[in-house]
């Protein structure tokens, strides 16, 4: 993969971070979007999380993909595999292997907001799949989907349960935006974490080794680096809990003392009271019927629904249908 293949939209991403910080940290109840966890350090920490004993989603999804990748290749006959929020693309190799063996795959298009993580992953994929065209796109998959290259039929893979990071209205809008960039008959492969007991869920987001806590605080380091802020991450506690009414996990950062944080790159000074929270992530959990209904409302027909052996995680394959 050459430098030219890494299609970057840095200025858009920087403007988006600035806008999110201004909006989220001036709100009555402060918030930040979880996509800003992911610089090179955040991506590394997340890879550590996926190997933790408490964190079941990655292993559960990998089990499904390992068992179903050949079937996915046969059903889709994809010429292009697009991966949104690609990170290291490790699980995607199961799909790449199956689609390559099937003989249809021509190109792989990973998209991620972190240029460093994307460049590393795309370079590794290029080396291991030398006959495959790899075109990494640095961008925000909530805004830049229209920029995705690739020949039809395409499969858009959105894995890891990341769809759960959207609030319900945002989720509907996102699924519609994916449908809009796909031709009729193209595919969406979606990973969704399923509703289960509180203890299993909370331990998955608050591990005993403290890796998730470091990952949560990394959003502050990203803001420091990109917007010249003076957050001290040690001034904030990691908080994770199950919201049973909404059926989602919430991750928050809680100020340990009264603070004033300067963020010159966003032209802000942000006060914090002791105990005040920043919500950094919502991670919704799903039920099969709800997934099918949301896909249908966005213009997709569910073709296959699979779960792991413990029924902790769902993977759906849906085809775009005529509006």
Protein backbone atom coordinates (compact mmCIF):
# COMPACT_ATOMS: atom_id res chain seq x y z
CA UNK A 1 0.00 0.00 0.00
CA UNK A 2 1.41 3.40 -0.96
CA UNK A 3 0.91 6.72 0.81
CA UNK A 4 -1.47 7.73 -1.97
CA UNK A 5 -3.72 4.80 -1.12
CA UNK A 6 -4.33 6.18 2.37
CA UNK A 7 -7.09 8.64 1.55
CA UNK A 8 -7.05 11.11 4.43
CA UNK A 9 -9.66 13.60 5.54
CA UNK A 10 -7.59 14.99 8.42
CA UNK A 11 -9.01 18.51 8.32
CA UNK A 12 -12.59 17.20 8.50
CA UNK A 13 -11.70 14.91 11.40
CA UNK A 14 -9.96 17.73 13.30
CA UNK A 15 -12.94 20.03 12.80
CA UNK A 16 -15.28 17.28 13.99
CA UNK A 17 -13.26 16.79 17.19
CA UNK A 18 -13.30 20.53 17.86
CA UNK A 19 -17.06 20.69 17.30
CA UNK A 20 -17.74 17.64 19.49
CA UNK A 21 -15.61 19.03 22.33
CA UNK A 22 -17.35 22.40 22.17
CA UNK A 23 -20.82 20.87 22.11
CA UNK A 24 -20.24 18.03 24.55
CA UNK A 25 -18.23 19.81 27.24
CA UNK A 26 -20.51 22.86 27.34
CA UNK A 27 -23.68 20.75 27.73
CA UNK A 28 -25.53 20.71 31.05
CA UNK A 29 -24.61 17.01 31.32
CA UNK A 30 -21.18 16.73 29.74
CA UNK A 31 -20.47 14.10 27.07
CA UNK A 32 -17.89 13.10 24.47
CA UNK A 33 -18.34 10.66 21.57
CA UNK A 34 -16.48 7.33 21.99
CA UNK A 35 -14.83 7.57 18.56
CA UNK A 36 -12.23 9.91 20.13
CA UNK A 37 -10.80 7.11 22.28
CA UNK A 38 -8.93 5.93 19.21
CA UNK A 39 -5.51 7.38 18.55
CA UNK A 40 -2.57 4.95 18.33
CA UNK A 41 -2.52 4.49 22.12
CA UNK A 42 -6.28 4.09 22.31
CA UNK A 43 -6.25 1.46 19.58
CA UNK A 44 -3.48 -0.40 21.43
CA UNK A 45 -5.43 -0.29 24.68
CA UNK A 46 -8.56 -1.56 22.97
CA UNK A 47 -6.62 -4.50 21.54
CA UNK A 48 -5.55 -5.28 25.11
CA UNK A 49 -9.18 -5.09 26.23
CA UNK A 50 -10.24 -7.65 23.63
CA UNK A 51 -7.88 -10.20 25.21
CA UNK A 52 -9.08 -9.66 28.79
CA UNK A 53 -10.92 -12.56 30.45
CA UNK A 54 -13.88 -10.30 31.31
CA UNK A 55 -14.31 -8.98 27.78
CA UNK A 56 -16.34 -11.62 25.93
CA UNK A 57 -17.61 -9.69 22.81
CA UNK A 58 -14.49 -10.06 20.66
CA UNK A 59 -14.13 -13.79 21.33
CA UNK A 60 -17.85 -14.37 20.81
CA UNK A 61 -17.94 -12.49 17.51
CA UNK A 62 -14.76 -14.18 16.31
CA UNK A 63 -16.39 -17.57 17.01
CA UNK A 64 -19.30 -16.64 14.75
CA UNK A 65 -17.10 -15.30 11.96
CA UNK A 66 -14.79 -18.31 12.08
CA UNK A 67 -17.77 -20.60 11.64
CA UNK A 68 -19.65 -18.53 9.05
CA UNK A 69 -17.05 -16.71 6.94
CA UNK A 70 -17.22 -19.25 4.11
CA UNK A 71 -21.02 -18.98 4.07
CA UNK A 72 -20.77 -15.18 3.98
CA UNK A 73 -18.41 -15.40 1.01
CA UNK A 74 -20.72 -17.80 -0.81
CA UNK A 75 -23.85 -15.71 -0.18
CA UNK A 76 -22.36 -12.33 -1.08
CA UNK A 77 -19.78 -13.09 -3.77
CA UNK A 78 -18.27 -9.76 -2.74
CA UNK A 79 -15.76 -7.93 -4.95
CA UNK A 80 -15.11 -5.34 -2.23
CA UNK A 81 -15.02 -5.67 1.55
CA UNK A 82 -15.47 -2.37 3.39
CA UNK A 83 -14.75 -2.30 7.11
CA UNK A 84 -16.00 0.63 9.17
CA UNK A 85 -14.04 1.49 12.30
CA UNK A 86 -11.46 -1.04 11.23
CA UNK A 87 -8.86 -0.69 14.00
CA UNK A 88 -6.39 -3.55 13.59
CA UNK A 89 -8.72 -5.50 11.22
CA UNK A 90 -7.80 -8.76 12.98
CA UNK A 91 -11.26 -10.36 12.86
CA UNK A 92 -11.63 -9.15 9.29
CA UNK A 93 -8.88 -11.53 8.22
CA UNK A 94 -11.37 -14.36 8.65
CA UNK A 95 -13.55 -12.67 6.03
CA UNK A 96 -10.58 -11.81 3.80
CA UNK A 97 -9.43 -15.43 3.85
CA UNK A 98 -12.90 -16.74 3.01
CA UNK A 99 -13.58 -14.20 0.24
CA UNK A 100 -10.12 -14.72 -1.24
CA UNK A 101 -10.62 -18.48 -1.24
CA UNK A 102 -14.01 -17.98 -2.87
CA UNK A 103 -12.23 -16.15 -5.69
CA UNK A 104 -14.35 -12.99 -5.89
CA UNK A 105 -12.57 -10.46 -3.69
CA UNK A 106 -10.68 -7.66 -5.47
CA UNK A 107 -10.30 -4.91 -2.86
CA UNK A 108 -10.39 -4.16 0.84
CA UNK A 109 -11.36 -0.69 2.10
CA UNK A 110 -10.75 -0.14 5.82
CA UNK A 111 -12.05 3.14 7.28
CA UNK A 112 -11.03 4.55 10.64
CA UNK A 113 -10.80 7.91 12.39
CA UNK A 114 -7.27 7.09 13.63
CA UNK A 115 -4.76 7.57 10.82
CA UNK A 116 -1.91 5.87 12.67
CA UNK A 117 -3.93 2.75 13.53
CA UNK A 118 -5.35 2.60 10.01
CA UNK A 119 -1.96 2.95 8.33
CA UNK A 120 -0.51 0.16 10.46
CA UNK A 121 -3.43 -2.19 9.79
CA UNK A 122 -3.63 -1.43 6.07
CA UNK A 123 0.10 -1.95 5.62
CA UNK A 124 -0.07 -5.32 7.38
CA UNK A 125 -3.05 -6.43 5.27
CA UNK A 126 -1.27 -5.34 2.07
CA UNK A 127 1.78 -7.39 3.01
CA UNK A 128 -0.24 -10.51 3.85
CA UNK A 129 -2.63 -10.24 0.87
CA UNK A 130 -0.36 -8.98 -1.94
CA UNK A 131 -2.92 -9.56 -4.71
CA UNK A 132 -5.56 -7.49 -2.94
CA UNK A 133 -6.02 -3.77 -3.56
CA UNK A 134 -6.05 -2.09 -0.13
CA UNK A 135 -7.31 1.50 0.08
CA UNK A 136 -7.43 2.87 3.61
CA UNK A 137 -9.75 5.84 4.22
CA UNK A 138 -9.12 8.10 7.21
CA UNK A 139 -12.51 9.46 8.12
CA UNK A 140 -15.57 9.43 10.34
CA UNK A 141 -18.03 6.76 9.25
CA UNK A 142 -20.91 8.93 10.40
CA UNK A 143 -19.95 11.60 7.83
CA UNK A 144 -17.69 10.23 5.09
CA UNK A 145 -19.40 7.10 3.79
CA UNK A 146 -19.94 8.64 0.37
CA UNK A 147 -16.14 8.66 -0.06
CA UNK A 148 -15.79 4.89 0.09
CA UNK A 149 -14.37 3.35 -3.10
CA UNK A 150 -14.85 -0.19 -4.38
CA UNK A 151 -16.63 -2.18 -7.06
CA UNK A 152 -19.98 -3.89 -6.60
CA UNK A 153 -21.03 -6.15 -5.03
CA UNK A 154 -19.73 -4.77 -1.76
CA UNK A 155 -20.04 -6.02 1.80
CA UNK A 156 -19.88 -3.32 4.46
CA UNK A 157 -18.70 -4.88 7.73
CA UNK A 158 -19.52 -3.02 10.93
CA UNK A 159 -18.30 -5.33 13.65
CA UNK A 160 -17.48 -5.39 17.34
CA UNK A 161 -20.87 -4.16 18.54
CA UNK A 162 -19.87 -0.58 17.67
CA UNK A 163 -23.43 0.06 16.41
CA UNK A 164 -24.38 0.10 20.10
CA UNK A 165 -22.40 3.33 20.62
CA UNK A 166 -25.16 5.25 18.85
CA UNK A 167 -28.27 6.49 20.61
CA UNK A 168 -31.44 5.05 18.99
CA UNK A 169 -32.10 8.06 16.74
CA UNK A 170 -28.45 8.23 15.72
CA UNK A 171 -28.50 4.50 15.02
CA UNK A 172 -31.44 4.83 12.66
CA UNK A 173 -29.76 7.73 10.87
CA UNK A 174 -26.51 5.80 10.54
CA UNK A 175 -28.15 2.67 9.14
CA UNK A 176 -30.03 4.83 6.61
CA UNK A 177 -26.75 6.47 5.58
CA UNK A 178 -25.16 3.06 4.98
CA UNK A 179 -28.14 2.01 2.86
CA UNK A 180 -27.87 5.22 0.82
CA UNK A 181 -24.31 4.47 -0.31
CA UNK A 182 -25.08 0.86 -1.25
CA UNK A 183 -26.61 -0.34 -4.48
CA UNK A 184 -29.65 -2.57 -4.29
CA UNK A 185 -28.50 -6.10 -3.47
CA UNK A 186 -25.29 -5.10 -1.69
CA UNK A 187 -24.66 -6.23 1.86
CA UNK A 188 -24.26 -5.13 5.48
CA UNK A 189 -22.57 -7.46 7.96
CA UNK A 190 -23.39 -6.21 11.46
CA UNK A 191 -22.12 -7.27 14.88
CA UNK A 192 -24.42 -6.67 17.87
CA UNK A 193 -23.81 -7.46 21.52
CA UNK A 194 -26.85 -9.06 23.11
CA UNK A 195 -28.72 -8.34 26.36
CA UNK A 196 -27.51 -10.50 29.24
CA UNK A 197 -27.03 -10.38 33.01
CA UNK A 198 -25.77 -7.20 34.69
CA UNK A 199 -22.69 -8.77 36.27
CA UNK A 200 -21.30 -10.10 32.99
CA UNK A 201 -21.89 -6.76 31.29
CA UNK A 202 -20.42 -4.55 33.99
CA UNK A 203 -17.29 -6.69 34.40
CA UNK A 204 -16.71 -6.49 30.64
CA UNK A 205 -16.50 -2.68 30.91
CA UNK A 206 -14.70 -2.41 34.26
CA UNK A 207 -11.98 -5.06 34.24
CA UNK A 208 -9.87 -5.91 37.26
CA UNK A 209 -6.61 -4.94 35.52
CA UNK A 210 -7.79 -1.38 34.87
CA UNK A 211 -7.21 -1.49 31.11
CA UNK A 212 -10.70 -0.20 30.31
CA UNK A 213 -10.19 2.63 32.77
CA UNK A 214 -6.99 3.65 30.94
CA UNK A 215 -8.85 3.38 27.61
CA UNK A 216 -11.65 5.59 28.91
CA UNK A 217 -9.20 8.26 30.10
CA UNK A 218 -7.41 8.18 26.75
CA UNK A 219 -10.08 10.45 25.28
CA UNK A 220 -8.65 13.20 27.50
CA UNK A 221 -5.14 12.55 26.17
CA UNK A 222 -6.47 12.79 22.60
CA UNK A 223 -7.98 16.20 23.37
CA UNK A 224 -4.72 17.30 25.01
CA UNK A 225 -2.73 16.27 21.93
CA UNK A 226 -5.08 17.58 19.27
CA UNK A 227 -6.49 20.71 20.93
CA UNK A 228 -3.63 21.65 23.29
CA UNK A 229 -5.79 21.04 26.37
CA UNK A 230 -4.44 20.59 29.90
CA UNK A 231 -6.55 17.68 31.17
CA UNK A 232 -4.81 15.56 33.81
CA UNK A 233 -6.38 12.12 33.22
CA UNK A 234 -5.57 11.16 36.83
CA UNK A 235 -8.11 13.76 37.94
CA UNK A 236 -10.90 11.48 36.69
CA UNK A 237 -12.26 8.12 37.86
CA UNK A 238 -13.54 5.52 35.42
CA UNK A 239 -17.21 4.59 35.96
CA UNK A 240 -19.18 1.87 34.11
CA UNK A 241 -22.69 0.64 34.89
CA UNK A 242 -25.66 -1.13 33.31
CA UNK A 243 -28.70 1.05 32.61
CA UNK A 244 -31.46 -1.58 32.67
CA UNK A 245 -34.18 0.80 31.47
CA UNK A 246 -32.28 1.72 28.30
CA UNK A 247 -30.55 -1.69 28.00
CA UNK A 248 -27.12 -0.17 27.57
CA UNK A 249 -23.83 0.15 29.40
CA UNK A 250 -22.72 3.69 30.20
CA UNK A 251 -19.08 4.65 30.62
CA UNK A 252 -18.28 7.90 32.32
CA UNK A 253 -15.34 9.90 33.68
CA UNK A 254 -15.96 11.40 37.13
CA UNK A 255 -13.99 14.43 38.35
CA UNK A 256 -12.18 13.72 41.61
CA UNK A 257 -11.97 17.41 42.58
CA UNK A 258 -13.12 20.84 41.36
CA UNK A 259 -11.28 21.66 38.12
CA UNK A 260 -10.88 24.21 35.38
CA UNK A 261 -9.57 22.73 32.14
CA UNK A 262 -8.23 24.93 29.36
CA UNK A 263 -8.76 23.80 25.77
CA UNK A 264 -7.16 26.46 23.54
CA UNK A 265 -7.80 24.52 20.34
CA UNK A 266 -11.54 24.77 20.99
CA UNK A 267 -11.36 28.24 22.58
CA UNK A 268 -12.81 26.85 25.82
CA UNK A 269 -12.25 26.88 29.55
CA UNK A 270 -14.34 24.07 31.07
CA UNK A 271 -15.21 24.00 34.80
CA UNK A 272 -15.87 20.73 36.64
CA UNK A 273 -17.43 20.31 40.06
CA UNK A 274 -16.16 17.50 42.26
CA UNK A 275 -18.07 14.36 41.25
CA UNK A 276 -19.24 15.78 37.92
CA UNK A 277 -19.40 13.27 35.05
CA UNK A 278 -18.50 13.21 31.38
CA UNK A 279 -20.41 10.47 29.59
CA UNK A 280 -17.90 8.97 27.16
CA UNK A 281 -19.75 5.94 25.85
CA UNK A 282 -23.12 4.31 25.59
CA UNK A 283 -22.97 0.66 24.52
CA UNK A 284 -26.45 -0.60 23.72
CA UNK A 285 -27.22 -4.31 23.90
CA UNK A 286 -29.69 -5.88 21.51
CA UNK A 287 -32.33 -8.54 21.00
CA UNK A 288 -32.71 -10.39 17.69
CA UNK A 289 -36.16 -9.03 16.90
CA UNK A 290 -35.03 -5.49 17.53
CA UNK A 291 -32.04 -5.84 15.20
CA UNK A 292 -34.24 -7.14 12.40
CA UNK A 293 -36.74 -4.31 12.90
CA UNK A 294 -34.06 -1.62 12.83
CA UNK A 295 -32.47 -3.08 9.72
CA UNK A 296 -35.86 -3.28 8.00
CA UNK A 297 -36.66 0.34 8.81
CA UNK A 298 -33.38 1.38 7.19
CA UNK A 299 -33.98 -0.54 3.94
CA UNK A 300 -32.27 -3.88 4.64
CA UNK A 301 -33.70 -7.39 4.53
CA UNK A 302 -32.20 -9.75 7.10
CA UNK A 303 -30.85 -12.82 5.30
CA UNK A 304 -28.95 -14.58 8.11
CA UNK A 305 -28.77 -14.29 11.90
CA UNK A 306 -26.05 -16.12 13.82
CA UNK A 307 -24.95 -16.21 17.46
CA UNK A 308 -22.01 -17.75 19.28
CA UNK A 309 -22.44 -20.98 21.22
CA UNK A 310 -23.35 -19.11 24.43
CA UNK A 311 -25.74 -16.74 22.65
CA UNK A 312 -23.90 -13.68 23.90
CA UNK A 313 -23.30 -11.94 20.57
CA UNK A 314 -25.25 -11.69 17.32
CA UNK A 315 -23.98 -11.29 13.76
CA UNK A 316 -26.48 -10.44 11.03
CA UNK A 317 -26.07 -10.43 7.27
CA UNK A 318 -28.57 -8.12 5.55
CA UNK A 319 -29.15 -7.25 1.91
CA UNK A 320 -30.07 -3.76 0.75
CA UNK A 321 -33.50 -3.77 -0.87
CA UNK A 322 -35.43 -1.41 -3.12
CA UNK A 323 -36.65 1.68 -1.30
